[in-house]
Amino acid sequence: MNVLEFYFDISSPWTYLAFHNVQPIARELGVKIQWKPILVGGIFNTVNPSVYEFRKSGSRGKHQYLVKDLGDWARHAGLDIRFPPSIFPINSVKAMRACIVLLEDAGDDDAPMTRFARAAFEAYWARDEDISTDSVLVAICRQAGVDPDRVMAGINTQAVKDRLRHHTDELIARGGFGSPTMFVGGIDMYFGNDRLQFVREALIKAKQ
């Protein structure tokens, strides 16, 4: 079976769109998604610091258009995304570690990690909840039907911390600079929700 590698951080609304939109493509084509949680802030700090400069002093007109563009994409996908939430950018470290804890169970779009990530995206981007707090993460676990005690214990283990750091460093080493980043065939990289048409075409070509 073909594999689509999907590097992601819940703190990005564009990643929420891609997370939602890529799964029907994978089902249609019989492709397995290899989810790879990362810390996008670590990537920005290392290879893409211009993101912070734009947030600080970027074009007002461009920012207004980005908000409109996000709204257009959200309506197209049938998602409720509100930008900016009251806490932005969010510290997503614990949420992404939780994804790592649940990663071993991931296998399809109803696997524990996928359910947790979907619920976390919804909590932050639709309901403006602070996913950096333990109480919100526990509620997300319960909504996703996963054991909150297991998750909350797991996010503090060194193995989970190391694996999240490894995914982040791995993406940097492969030329990535943000979230979401996808790879088809191990070397063919795509960035952003608006590249999914090309991802689909690449997956079809890879199957031939």
N, C-alpha and C. Protein backbone atom coordinates (compact mmCIF):
# COMPACT_ATOMS: atom_id res chain seq x y z
N MET A 1 0.84 -1.20 0.00
CA MET A 1 0.00 0.00 0.00
C MET A 1 0.87 1.25 0.00
N ASN A 2 0.51 2.23 -0.81
CA ASN A 2 1.22 3.51 -0.82
C ASN A 2 1.05 4.21 0.53
N VAL A 3 2.04 5.01 0.89
CA VAL A 3 2.02 5.74 2.15
C VAL A 3 2.18 7.23 1.88
N LEU A 4 1.36 8.03 2.55
CA LEU A 4 1.48 9.48 2.51
C LEU A 4 1.94 9.94 3.88
N GLU A 5 3.13 10.54 3.95
CA GLU A 5 3.62 11.07 5.21
C GLU A 5 3.02 12.45 5.43
N PHE A 6 2.51 12.70 6.63
CA PHE A 6 1.80 13.94 6.93
C PHE A 6 2.35 14.51 8.23
N TYR A 7 3.19 15.53 8.12
CA TYR A 7 3.74 16.23 9.29
C TYR A 7 2.78 17.34 9.68
N PHE A 8 2.43 17.42 10.97
CA PHE A 8 1.40 18.40 11.35
C PHE A 8 1.56 18.90 12.77
N ASP A 9 1.01 20.10 12.97
CA ASP A 9 0.91 20.73 14.29
C ASP A 9 -0.48 21.32 14.39
N ILE A 10 -1.18 21.02 15.47
CA ILE A 10 -2.57 21.44 15.66
C ILE A 10 -2.70 22.96 15.77
N SER A 11 -1.60 23.67 16.02
CA SER A 11 -1.67 25.12 16.19
C SER A 11 -1.92 25.87 14.89
N SER A 12 -1.94 25.18 13.75
CA SER A 12 -2.12 25.83 12.45
C SER A 12 -3.52 25.59 11.89
N PRO A 13 -4.26 26.66 11.53
CA PRO A 13 -5.59 26.46 10.95
C PRO A 13 -5.52 25.82 9.56
N TRP A 14 -4.47 26.12 8.81
CA TRP A 14 -4.32 25.53 7.48
C TRP A 14 -4.08 24.03 7.59
N THR A 15 -3.43 23.64 8.69
CA THR A 15 -3.23 22.22 8.93
C THR A 15 -4.55 21.54 9.28
N TYR A 16 -5.41 22.23 10.01
CA TYR A 16 -6.75 21.69 10.29
C TYR A 16 -7.47 21.40 8.99
N LEU A 17 -7.40 22.32 8.05
CA LEU A 17 -8.03 22.10 6.75
C LEU A 17 -7.44 20.89 6.04
N ALA A 18 -6.11 20.82 5.98
CA ALA A 18 -5.47 19.72 5.29
C ALA A 18 -5.73 18.39 5.99
N PHE A 19 -5.70 18.38 7.31
CA PHE A 19 -6.00 17.18 8.09
C PHE A 19 -7.38 16.64 7.72
N HIS A 20 -8.34 17.55 7.60
CA HIS A 20 -9.71 17.18 7.24
C HIS A 20 -9.81 16.74 5.78
N ASN A 21 -9.16 17.48 4.90
CA ASN A 21 -9.34 17.25 3.47
C ASN A 21 -8.52 16.10 2.90
N VAL A 22 -7.42 15.75 3.56
CA VAL A 22 -6.57 14.70 3.01
C VAL A 22 -7.14 13.31 3.25
N GLN A 23 -7.93 13.15 4.29
CA GLN A 23 -8.39 11.81 4.64
C GLN A 23 -9.32 11.20 3.59
N PRO A 24 -10.26 11.96 3.01
CA PRO A 24 -11.06 11.38 1.92
C PRO A 24 -10.22 10.98 0.71
N ILE A 25 -9.17 11.74 0.43
CA ILE A 25 -8.29 11.40 -0.69
C ILE A 25 -7.60 10.07 -0.41
N ALA A 26 -7.11 9.90 0.81
CA ALA A 26 -6.43 8.65 1.16
C ALA A 26 -7.39 7.47 1.08
N ARG A 27 -8.61 7.64 1.56
CA ARG A 27 -9.59 6.55 1.48
C ARG A 27 -9.91 6.20 0.04
N GLU A 28 -10.11 7.23 -0.77
CA GLU A 28 -10.45 7.01 -2.18
C GLU A 28 -9.38 6.21 -2.90
N LEU A 29 -8.12 6.51 -2.61
CA LEU A 29 -7.01 5.92 -3.34
C LEU A 29 -6.41 4.71 -2.64
N GLY A 30 -6.93 4.36 -1.47
CA GLY A 30 -6.39 3.23 -0.74
C GLY A 30 -4.99 3.48 -0.22
N VAL A 31 -4.74 4.70 0.22
CA VAL A 31 -3.42 5.11 0.70
C VAL A 31 -3.43 5.22 2.21
N LYS A 32 -2.39 4.73 2.85
CA LYS A 32 -2.25 4.86 4.29
C LYS A 32 -1.57 6.19 4.61
N ILE A 33 -2.11 6.91 5.59
CA ILE A 33 -1.48 8.15 6.05
C ILE A 33 -0.58 7.84 7.23
N GLN A 34 0.67 8.21 7.11
CA GLN A 34 1.61 8.08 8.22
C GLN A 34 1.68 9.43 8.93
N TRP A 35 0.96 9.54 10.05
CA TRP A 35 0.89 10.80 10.77
C TRP A 35 2.20 11.05 11.52
N LYS A 36 2.71 12.27 11.42
CA LYS A 36 3.96 12.63 12.09
C LYS A 36 3.78 13.96 12.81
N PRO A 37 3.38 13.92 14.08
CA PRO A 37 3.25 15.14 14.87
C PRO A 37 4.59 15.86 15.02
N ILE A 38 4.55 17.18 14.93
CA ILE A 38 5.75 18.01 15.04
C ILE A 38 5.44 19.23 15.91
N LEU A 39 6.48 20.01 16.19
CA LEU A 39 6.32 21.33 16.80
C LEU A 39 6.72 22.36 15.76
N VAL A 40 5.75 23.03 15.19
CA VAL A 40 6.05 23.95 14.10
C VAL A 40 6.85 25.15 14.59
N GLY A 41 6.68 25.51 15.87
CA GLY A 41 7.48 26.61 16.41
C GLY A 41 8.96 26.30 16.36
N GLY A 42 9.32 25.04 16.58
CA GLY A 42 10.72 24.65 16.49
C GLY A 42 11.26 24.80 15.08
N ILE A 43 10.41 24.54 14.10
CA ILE A 43 10.81 24.70 12.71
C ILE A 43 10.98 26.18 12.38
N PHE A 44 10.02 27.01 12.81
CA PHE A 44 10.13 28.44 12.56
C PHE A 44 11.42 29.00 13.17
N ASN A 45 11.71 28.58 14.39
CA ASN A 45 12.90 29.08 15.08
C ASN A 45 14.17 28.72 14.32
N THR A 46 14.15 27.56 13.68
CA THR A 46 15.37 27.05 13.05
C THR A 46 15.54 27.50 11.61
N VAL A 47 14.46 27.41 10.82
CA VAL A 47 14.63 27.66 9.38
C VAL A 47 13.66 28.67 8.78
N ASN A 48 12.67 29.14 9.55
CA ASN A 48 11.67 30.02 8.96
C ASN A 48 11.26 31.14 9.92
N PRO A 49 12.21 31.92 10.44
CA PRO A 49 11.88 32.96 11.42
C PRO A 49 11.10 34.13 10.83
N SER A 50 10.99 34.22 9.51
CA SER A 50 10.24 35.31 8.90
C SER A 50 8.77 35.29 9.29
N VAL A 51 8.28 34.12 9.71
CA VAL A 51 6.89 34.01 10.18
C VAL A 51 6.65 34.98 11.33
N TYR A 52 7.59 35.04 12.26
CA TYR A 52 7.42 35.92 13.42
C TYR A 52 7.46 37.39 13.01
N GLU A 53 8.30 37.72 12.05
CA GLU A 53 8.39 39.10 11.60
C GLU A 53 7.09 39.54 10.95
N PHE A 54 6.48 38.63 10.16
CA PHE A 54 5.21 38.97 9.52
C PHE A 54 4.11 39.18 10.56
N ARG A 55 4.07 38.34 11.58
CA ARG A 55 3.08 38.51 12.63
C ARG A 55 3.25 39.84 13.35
N LYS A 56 4.50 40.28 13.47
CA LYS A 56 4.80 41.50 14.21
C LYS A 56 4.53 42.75 13.39
N SER A 57 4.95 42.73 12.12
CA SER A 57 4.87 43.97 11.35
C SER A 57 4.54 43.73 9.88
N GLY A 58 3.82 42.67 9.60
CA GLY A 58 3.46 42.38 8.21
C GLY A 58 2.37 43.30 7.68
N SER A 59 2.14 43.21 6.39
CA SER A 59 1.15 44.04 5.72
C SER A 59 -0.24 43.82 6.30
N ARG A 60 -0.90 44.92 6.68
CA ARG A 60 -2.26 44.82 7.21
C ARG A 60 -3.22 44.26 6.15
N GLY A 61 -3.03 44.72 4.92
CA GLY A 61 -3.89 44.24 3.84
C GLY A 61 -3.72 42.75 3.60
N LYS A 62 -2.47 42.28 3.65
CA LYS A 62 -2.23 40.85 3.45
C LYS A 62 -2.83 40.04 4.57
N HIS A 63 -2.70 40.53 5.80
CA HIS A 63 -3.29 39.81 6.93
C HIS A 63 -4.81 39.72 6.79
N GLN A 64 -5.45 40.83 6.40
CA GLN A 64 -6.90 40.81 6.22
C GLN A 64 -7.31 39.81 5.14
N TYR A 65 -6.51 39.75 4.09
CA TYR A 65 -6.83 38.79 3.03
C TYR A 65 -6.63 37.35 3.51
N LEU A 66 -5.59 37.11 4.30
CA LEU A 66 -5.38 35.77 4.82
C LEU A 66 -6.55 35.30 5.67
N VAL A 67 -7.11 36.22 6.46
CA VAL A 67 -8.29 35.88 7.27
C VAL A 67 -9.47 35.53 6.36
N LYS A 68 -9.68 36.33 5.32
CA LYS A 68 -10.75 36.04 4.36
C LYS A 68 -10.52 34.71 3.66
N ASP A 69 -9.27 34.49 3.23
CA ASP A 69 -8.93 33.27 2.52
C ASP A 69 -9.19 32.05 3.39
N LEU A 70 -8.81 32.13 4.67
CA LEU A 70 -9.06 31.04 5.60
C LEU A 70 -10.56 30.77 5.72
N GLY A 71 -11.35 31.84 5.82
CA GLY A 71 -12.80 31.68 5.91
C GLY A 71 -13.37 31.02 4.67
N ASP A 72 -12.87 31.40 3.50
CA ASP A 72 -13.34 30.79 2.25
C ASP A 72 -13.03 29.29 2.22
N TRP A 73 -11.80 28.93 2.60
CA TRP A 73 -11.41 27.52 2.62
C TRP A 73 -12.23 26.75 3.65
N ALA A 74 -12.47 27.35 4.80
CA ALA A 74 -13.24 26.66 5.85
C ALA A 74 -14.66 26.38 5.38
N ARG A 75 -15.30 27.36 4.74
CA ARG A 75 -16.65 27.13 4.23
C ARG A 75 -16.65 26.04 3.16
N HIS A 76 -15.64 26.06 2.31
CA HIS A 76 -15.54 25.05 1.25
C HIS A 76 -15.41 23.64 1.84
N ALA A 77 -14.70 23.53 2.97
CA ALA A 77 -14.49 22.23 3.61
C ALA A 77 -15.61 21.86 4.57
N GLY A 78 -16.51 22.80 4.85
CA GLY A 78 -17.58 22.54 5.81
C GLY A 78 -17.10 22.53 7.25
N LEU A 79 -16.05 23.32 7.54
CA LEU A 79 -15.49 23.38 8.88
C LEU A 79 -15.76 24.75 9.51
N ASP A 80 -15.83 24.75 10.84
CA ASP A 80 -15.99 25.99 11.59
C ASP A 80 -14.61 26.40 12.10
N ILE A 81 -14.00 27.39 11.46
CA ILE A 81 -12.70 27.88 11.88
C ILE A 81 -12.80 29.38 12.13
N ARG A 82 -12.39 29.79 13.31
CA ARG A 82 -12.45 31.21 13.68
C ARG A 82 -11.03 31.72 13.92
N PHE A 83 -10.67 32.78 13.24
CA PHE A 83 -9.32 33.30 13.38
C PHE A 83 -9.36 34.81 13.57
N PRO A 84 -8.55 35.36 14.48
CA PRO A 84 -7.69 34.62 15.40
C PRO A 84 -8.41 34.27 16.69
N PRO A 85 -8.12 33.11 17.25
CA PRO A 85 -8.66 32.81 18.58
C PRO A 85 -8.01 33.71 19.62
N SER A 86 -8.55 33.72 20.81
CA SER A 86 -8.05 34.66 21.83
C SER A 86 -6.62 34.36 22.23
N ILE A 87 -6.20 33.11 22.13
CA ILE A 87 -4.83 32.74 22.47
C ILE A 87 -4.13 32.30 21.19
N PHE A 88 -3.38 33.21 20.60
CA PHE A 88 -2.65 32.89 19.37
C PHE A 88 -1.33 33.64 19.35
N PRO A 89 -0.24 32.94 19.07
CA PRO A 89 -0.16 31.50 18.82
C PRO A 89 -0.32 30.70 20.12
N ILE A 90 -0.76 29.48 20.00
CA ILE A 90 -0.98 28.61 21.15
C ILE A 90 0.25 27.76 21.40
N ASN A 91 0.50 27.44 22.66
CA ASN A 91 1.54 26.47 23.00
C ASN A 91 0.94 25.07 22.82
N SER A 92 1.33 24.41 21.75
CA SER A 92 0.72 23.12 21.40
C SER A 92 1.57 21.93 21.84
N VAL A 93 2.59 22.17 22.67
CA VAL A 93 3.52 21.09 23.02
C VAL A 93 2.80 19.89 23.62
N LYS A 94 1.96 20.12 24.62
CA LYS A 94 1.28 19.00 25.27
C LYS A 94 0.34 18.28 24.32
N ALA A 95 -0.37 19.04 23.51
CA ALA A 95 -1.30 18.41 22.56
C ALA A 95 -0.56 17.55 21.55
N MET A 96 0.59 18.03 21.08
CA MET A 96 1.35 17.25 20.11
C MET A 96 2.02 16.05 20.76
N ARG A 97 2.43 16.19 22.01
CA ARG A 97 2.94 15.01 22.72
C ARG A 97 1.83 13.98 22.89
N ALA A 98 0.61 14.45 23.15
CA ALA A 98 -0.52 13.52 23.27
C ALA A 98 -0.72 12.74 21.98
N CYS A 99 -0.56 13.42 20.85
CA CYS A 99 -0.66 12.72 19.56
C CYS A 99 0.41 11.65 19.45
N ILE A 100 1.62 11.93 19.95
CA ILE A 100 2.68 10.94 19.93
C ILE A 100 2.31 9.74 20.80
N VAL A 101 1.75 9.99 21.98
CA VAL A 101 1.33 8.90 22.87
C VAL A 101 0.36 7.96 22.16
N LEU A 102 -0.55 8.54 21.39
CA LEU A 102 -1.60 7.75 20.73
C LEU A 102 -1.18 7.25 19.35
N LEU A 103 0.00 7.62 18.90
CA LEU A 103 0.41 7.32 17.54
C LEU A 103 0.49 5.83 17.26
N GLU A 104 0.88 5.05 18.25
CA GLU A 104 1.03 3.61 18.03
C GLU A 104 -0.30 2.95 17.69
N ASP A 105 -1.40 3.60 18.04
CA ASP A 105 -2.71 3.04 17.75
C ASP A 105 -3.28 3.57 16.43
N ALA A 106 -2.57 4.54 15.80
CA ALA A 106 -3.10 5.18 14.60
C ALA A 106 -3.08 4.21 13.43
N GLY A 107 -4.16 4.22 12.63
CA GLY A 107 -4.19 3.35 11.48
C GLY A 107 -5.20 3.79 10.44
N ASP A 108 -6.23 4.47 10.87
CA ASP A 108 -7.24 4.94 9.93
C ASP A 108 -7.87 6.20 10.49
N ASP A 109 -8.90 6.70 9.80
CA ASP A 109 -9.46 7.98 10.23
C ASP A 109 -10.36 7.87 11.45
N ASP A 110 -10.49 6.66 12.02
CA ASP A 110 -11.22 6.53 13.28
C ASP A 110 -10.32 5.95 14.36
N ALA A 111 -9.00 6.01 14.14
CA ALA A 111 -8.05 5.54 15.13
C ALA A 111 -7.96 6.54 16.28
N PRO A 112 -7.48 6.10 17.46
CA PRO A 112 -7.43 7.00 18.62
C PRO A 112 -6.68 8.31 18.36
N MET A 113 -5.50 8.26 17.72
CA MET A 113 -4.75 9.49 17.47
C MET A 113 -5.51 10.43 16.57
N THR A 114 -6.14 9.87 15.54
CA THR A 114 -6.88 10.70 14.60
C THR A 114 -8.09 11.35 15.27
N ARG A 115 -8.77 10.58 16.10
CA ARG A 115 -9.92 11.14 16.83
C ARG A 115 -9.47 12.24 17.78
N PHE A 116 -8.36 12.01 18.48
CA PHE A 116 -7.86 13.02 19.41
C PHE A 116 -7.47 14.29 18.66
N ALA A 117 -6.71 14.14 17.58
CA ALA A 117 -6.27 15.32 16.83
C ALA A 117 -7.46 16.10 16.30
N ARG A 118 -8.45 15.40 15.76
CA ARG A 118 -9.65 16.07 15.24
C ARG A 118 -10.34 16.85 16.35
N ALA A 119 -10.48 16.23 17.52
CA ALA A 119 -11.14 16.90 18.64
C ALA A 119 -10.32 18.10 19.13
N ALA A 120 -9.00 17.99 19.09
CA ALA A 120 -8.15 19.10 19.52
C ALA A 120 -8.23 20.26 18.53
N PHE A 121 -8.22 19.95 17.24
CA PHE A 121 -8.41 20.99 16.23
C PHE A 121 -9.73 21.73 16.48
N GLU A 122 -10.80 20.98 16.71
CA GLU A 122 -12.11 21.58 16.92
C GLU A 122 -12.13 22.43 18.19
N ALA A 123 -11.50 21.93 19.24
CA ALA A 123 -11.51 22.67 20.50
C ALA A 123 -10.84 24.04 20.34
N TYR A 124 -9.71 24.05 19.65
CA TYR A 124 -8.97 25.31 19.52
C TYR A 124 -9.54 26.21 18.45
N TRP A 125 -9.74 25.67 17.25
CA TRP A 125 -10.10 26.52 16.11
C TRP A 125 -11.59 26.79 15.97
N ALA A 126 -12.45 25.97 16.59
CA ALA A 126 -13.89 26.23 16.51
C ALA A 126 -14.44 26.80 17.81
N ARG A 127 -13.85 26.39 18.96
CA ARG A 127 -14.42 26.81 20.24
C ARG A 127 -13.48 27.71 21.05
N ASP A 128 -12.29 27.99 20.51
CA ASP A 128 -11.36 28.91 21.15
C ASP A 128 -10.97 28.45 22.55
N GLU A 129 -10.75 27.15 22.72
CA GLU A 129 -10.35 26.59 24.00
C GLU A 129 -8.83 26.52 24.09
N ASP A 130 -8.31 26.68 25.28
CA ASP A 130 -6.87 26.71 25.50
C ASP A 130 -6.33 25.29 25.59
N ILE A 131 -5.85 24.76 24.47
CA ILE A 131 -5.40 23.37 24.44
C ILE A 131 -4.03 23.18 25.10
N SER A 132 -3.48 24.24 25.66
CA SER A 132 -2.22 24.09 26.39
C SER A 132 -2.47 23.66 27.84
N THR A 133 -3.72 23.70 28.28
CA THR A 133 -4.05 23.39 29.68
C THR A 133 -4.45 21.93 29.84
N ASP A 134 -4.10 21.37 30.99
CA ASP A 134 -4.40 19.96 31.25
C ASP A 134 -5.89 19.69 31.25
N SER A 135 -6.67 20.58 31.83
CA SER A 135 -8.12 20.32 31.93
C SER A 135 -8.77 20.24 30.56
N VAL A 136 -8.35 21.08 29.64
CA VAL A 136 -8.89 21.03 28.28
C VAL A 136 -8.44 19.76 27.58
N LEU A 137 -7.19 19.38 27.76
CA LEU A 137 -6.69 18.16 27.12
C LEU A 137 -7.42 16.93 27.64
N VAL A 138 -7.71 16.90 28.93
CA VAL A 138 -8.46 15.78 29.50
C VAL A 138 -9.85 15.72 28.87
N ALA A 139 -10.50 16.87 28.72
CA ALA A 139 -11.82 16.90 28.09
C ALA A 139 -11.75 16.43 26.64
N ILE A 140 -10.70 16.82 25.94
CA ILE A 140 -10.52 16.39 24.55
C ILE A 140 -10.35 14.87 24.49
N CYS A 141 -9.56 14.32 25.40
CA CYS A 141 -9.39 12.87 25.46
C CYS A 141 -10.73 12.17 25.63
N ARG A 142 -11.53 12.66 26.54
CA ARG A 142 -12.84 12.03 26.79
C ARG A 142 -13.74 12.16 25.57
N GLN A 143 -13.70 13.31 24.92
CA GLN A 143 -14.50 13.49 23.71
C GLN A 143 -14.06 12.52 22.61
N ALA A 144 -12.75 12.27 22.54
CA ALA A 144 -12.20 11.39 21.50
C ALA A 144 -12.28 9.91 21.87
N GLY A 145 -12.70 9.62 23.10
CA GLY A 145 -12.82 8.24 23.52
C GLY A 145 -11.49 7.57 23.82
N VAL A 146 -10.51 8.36 24.30
CA VAL A 146 -9.22 7.78 24.68
C VAL A 146 -9.00 8.01 26.17
N ASP A 147 -8.13 7.20 26.75
CA ASP A 147 -7.90 7.22 28.19
C ASP A 147 -7.09 8.45 28.59
N PRO A 148 -7.70 9.41 29.29
CA PRO A 148 -6.96 10.62 29.66
C PRO A 148 -5.81 10.36 30.61
N ASP A 149 -5.94 9.38 31.48
CA ASP A 149 -4.85 9.08 32.42
C ASP A 149 -3.62 8.59 31.66
N ARG A 150 -3.83 7.72 30.70
CA ARG A 150 -2.71 7.22 29.89
C ARG A 150 -2.05 8.36 29.12
N VAL A 151 -2.86 9.22 28.52
CA VAL A 151 -2.32 10.31 27.71
C VAL A 151 -1.56 11.30 28.58
N MET A 152 -2.15 11.72 29.68
CA MET A 152 -1.52 12.74 30.51
C MET A 152 -0.24 12.22 31.17
N ALA A 153 -0.20 10.93 31.46
CA ALA A 153 1.04 10.35 31.99
C ALA A 153 2.08 10.26 30.88
N GLY A 154 1.65 9.90 29.69
CA GLY A 154 2.57 9.69 28.59
C GLY A 154 3.26 10.94 28.11
N ILE A 155 2.57 12.09 28.19
CA ILE A 155 3.17 13.31 27.64
C ILE A 155 4.36 13.79 28.44
N ASN A 156 4.54 13.26 29.63
CA ASN A 156 5.68 13.66 30.46
C ASN A 156 6.85 12.71 30.37
N THR A 157 6.75 11.66 29.56
CA THR A 157 7.84 10.69 29.46
C THR A 157 8.89 11.19 28.47
N GLN A 158 10.13 10.82 28.73
CA GLN A 158 11.23 11.25 27.87
C GLN A 158 11.11 10.66 26.47
N ALA A 159 10.62 9.44 26.37
CA ALA A 159 10.50 8.79 25.06
C ALA A 159 9.55 9.56 24.15
N VAL A 160 8.45 10.05 24.71
CA VAL A 160 7.49 10.82 23.92
C VAL A 160 8.08 12.17 23.53
N LYS A 161 8.72 12.83 24.45
CA LYS A 161 9.37 14.11 24.15
C LYS A 161 10.42 13.94 23.04
N ASP A 162 11.20 12.87 23.14
CA ASP A 162 12.25 12.62 22.15
C ASP A 162 11.67 12.33 20.77
N ARG A 163 10.57 11.59 20.73
CA ARG A 163 9.99 11.25 19.43
C ARG A 163 9.41 12.49 18.74
N LEU A 164 8.79 13.36 19.51
CA LEU A 164 8.25 14.59 18.94
C LEU A 164 9.40 15.46 18.41
N ARG A 165 10.46 15.55 19.16
CA ARG A 165 11.63 16.32 18.72
C ARG A 165 12.24 15.68 17.47
N HIS A 166 12.27 14.36 17.44
CA HIS A 166 12.83 13.66 16.27
C HIS A 166 12.03 13.97 15.02
N HIS A 167 10.70 13.92 15.10
CA HIS A 167 9.86 14.23 13.95
C HIS A 167 10.13 15.66 13.45
N THR A 168 10.26 16.58 14.39
CA THR A 168 10.49 17.98 14.03
C THR A 168 11.84 18.14 13.34
N ASP A 169 12.87 17.56 13.93
CA ASP A 169 14.21 17.64 13.33
C ASP A 169 14.25 16.93 11.98
N GLU A 170 13.54 15.84 11.89
CA GLU A 170 13.50 15.06 10.65
C GLU A 170 12.92 15.89 9.52
N LEU A 171 11.83 16.61 9.79
CA LEU A 171 11.22 17.43 8.75
C LEU A 171 12.16 18.55 8.32
N ILE A 172 12.84 19.18 9.26
CA ILE A 172 13.80 20.22 8.91
C ILE A 172 14.88 19.64 8.00
N ALA A 173 15.38 18.46 8.35
CA ALA A 173 16.43 17.83 7.57
C ALA A 173 15.96 17.48 6.15
N ARG A 174 14.66 17.27 5.99
CA ARG A 174 14.11 16.92 4.68
C ARG A 174 13.71 18.15 3.87
N GLY A 175 13.95 19.33 4.40
CA GLY A 175 13.66 20.56 3.67
C GLY A 175 12.35 21.21 4.03
N GLY A 176 11.66 20.71 5.05
CA GLY A 176 10.39 21.28 5.45
C GLY A 176 10.56 22.59 6.19
N PHE A 177 9.52 23.43 6.15
CA PHE A 177 9.60 24.75 6.78
C PHE A 177 8.30 25.15 7.45
N GLY A 178 7.32 24.23 7.56
CA GLY A 178 6.07 24.57 8.21
C GLY A 178 5.11 23.41 8.25
N SER A 179 3.88 23.70 8.63
CA SER A 179 2.83 22.69 8.78
C SER A 179 1.57 23.14 8.03
N PRO A 180 0.96 22.23 7.27
CA PRO A 180 1.28 20.81 7.09
C PRO A 180 2.28 20.60 5.96
N THR A 181 3.12 19.60 6.11
CA THR A 181 4.02 19.18 5.05
C THR A 181 3.80 17.71 4.78
N MET A 182 3.70 17.36 3.51
CA MET A 182 3.42 15.99 3.11
C MET A 182 4.47 15.48 2.13
N PHE A 183 4.73 14.18 2.20
CA PHE A 183 5.66 13.54 1.28
C PHE A 183 5.00 12.36 0.60
N VAL A 184 5.14 12.30 -0.71
CA VAL A 184 4.69 11.15 -1.49
C VAL A 184 5.94 10.45 -2.01
N GLY A 185 6.00 9.14 -1.79
CA GLY A 185 7.15 8.39 -2.28
C GLY A 185 8.44 8.71 -1.57
N GLY A 186 8.36 9.31 -0.42
CA GLY A 186 9.55 9.57 0.39
C GLY A 186 10.32 10.82 0.05
N ILE A 187 10.19 11.35 -1.17
CA ILE A 187 11.02 12.50 -1.57
C ILE A 187 10.21 13.65 -2.17
N ASP A 188 8.98 13.38 -2.58
CA ASP A 188 8.17 14.39 -3.27
C ASP A 188 7.39 15.19 -2.24
N MET A 189 7.85 16.42 -1.93
CA MET A 189 7.30 17.20 -0.83
C MET A 189 6.22 18.18 -1.30
N TYR A 190 5.19 18.32 -0.47
CA TYR A 190 4.11 19.28 -0.71
C TYR A 190 3.81 20.00 0.60
N PHE A 191 3.55 21.31 0.50
CA PHE A 191 3.28 22.12 1.69
C PHE A 191 1.94 22.82 1.53
N GLY A 192 1.07 22.67 2.53
CA GLY A 192 -0.16 23.44 2.58
C GLY A 192 -1.39 22.71 2.10
N ASN A 193 -2.51 23.14 2.64
CA ASN A 193 -3.81 22.59 2.25
C ASN A 193 -4.11 22.80 0.78
N ASP A 194 -3.64 23.90 0.21
CA ASP A 194 -3.97 24.21 -1.18
C ASP A 194 -3.13 23.44 -2.18
N ARG A 195 -2.32 22.49 -1.71
CA ARG A 195 -1.55 21.64 -2.62
C ARG A 195 -2.11 20.22 -2.68
N LEU A 196 -3.26 19.98 -2.07
CA LEU A 196 -3.78 18.62 -2.00
C LEU A 196 -4.16 18.05 -3.37
N GLN A 197 -4.54 18.91 -4.29
CA GLN A 197 -4.81 18.43 -5.65
C GLN A 197 -3.55 17.79 -6.24
N PHE A 198 -2.41 18.44 -6.01
CA PHE A 198 -1.16 17.91 -6.51
C PHE A 198 -0.75 16.64 -5.76
N VAL A 199 -1.06 16.61 -4.47
CA VAL A 199 -0.80 15.40 -3.67
C VAL A 199 -1.59 14.23 -4.24
N ARG A 200 -2.86 14.47 -4.54
CA ARG A 200 -3.70 13.42 -5.10
C ARG A 200 -3.14 12.91 -6.42
N GLU A 201 -2.73 13.84 -7.28
CA GLU A 201 -2.17 13.44 -8.57
C GLU A 201 -0.88 12.64 -8.39
N ALA A 202 -0.05 13.04 -7.44
CA ALA A 202 1.20 12.32 -7.18
C ALA A 202 0.93 10.92 -6.65
N LEU A 203 -0.08 10.80 -5.81
CA LEU A 203 -0.42 9.48 -5.26
C LEU A 203 -0.92 8.56 -6.36
N ILE A 204 -1.74 9.09 -7.26
CA ILE A 204 -2.24 8.28 -8.38
C ILE A 204 -1.07 7.83 -9.25
N LYS A 205 -0.17 8.74 -9.53
CA LYS A 205 1.00 8.41 -10.37
C LYS A 205 1.85 7.35 -9.70
N ALA A 206 2.00 7.45 -8.38
CA ALA A 206 2.84 6.50 -7.63
C ALA A 206 2.25 5.08 -7.67
N LYS A 207 0.95 4.97 -7.86
CA LYS A 207 0.31 3.67 -7.89
C LYS A 207 0.44 3.00 -9.26
N GLN A 208 0.78 3.76 -10.28
CA GLN A 208 0.83 3.21 -11.63
C GLN A 208 2.07 2.37 -11.88
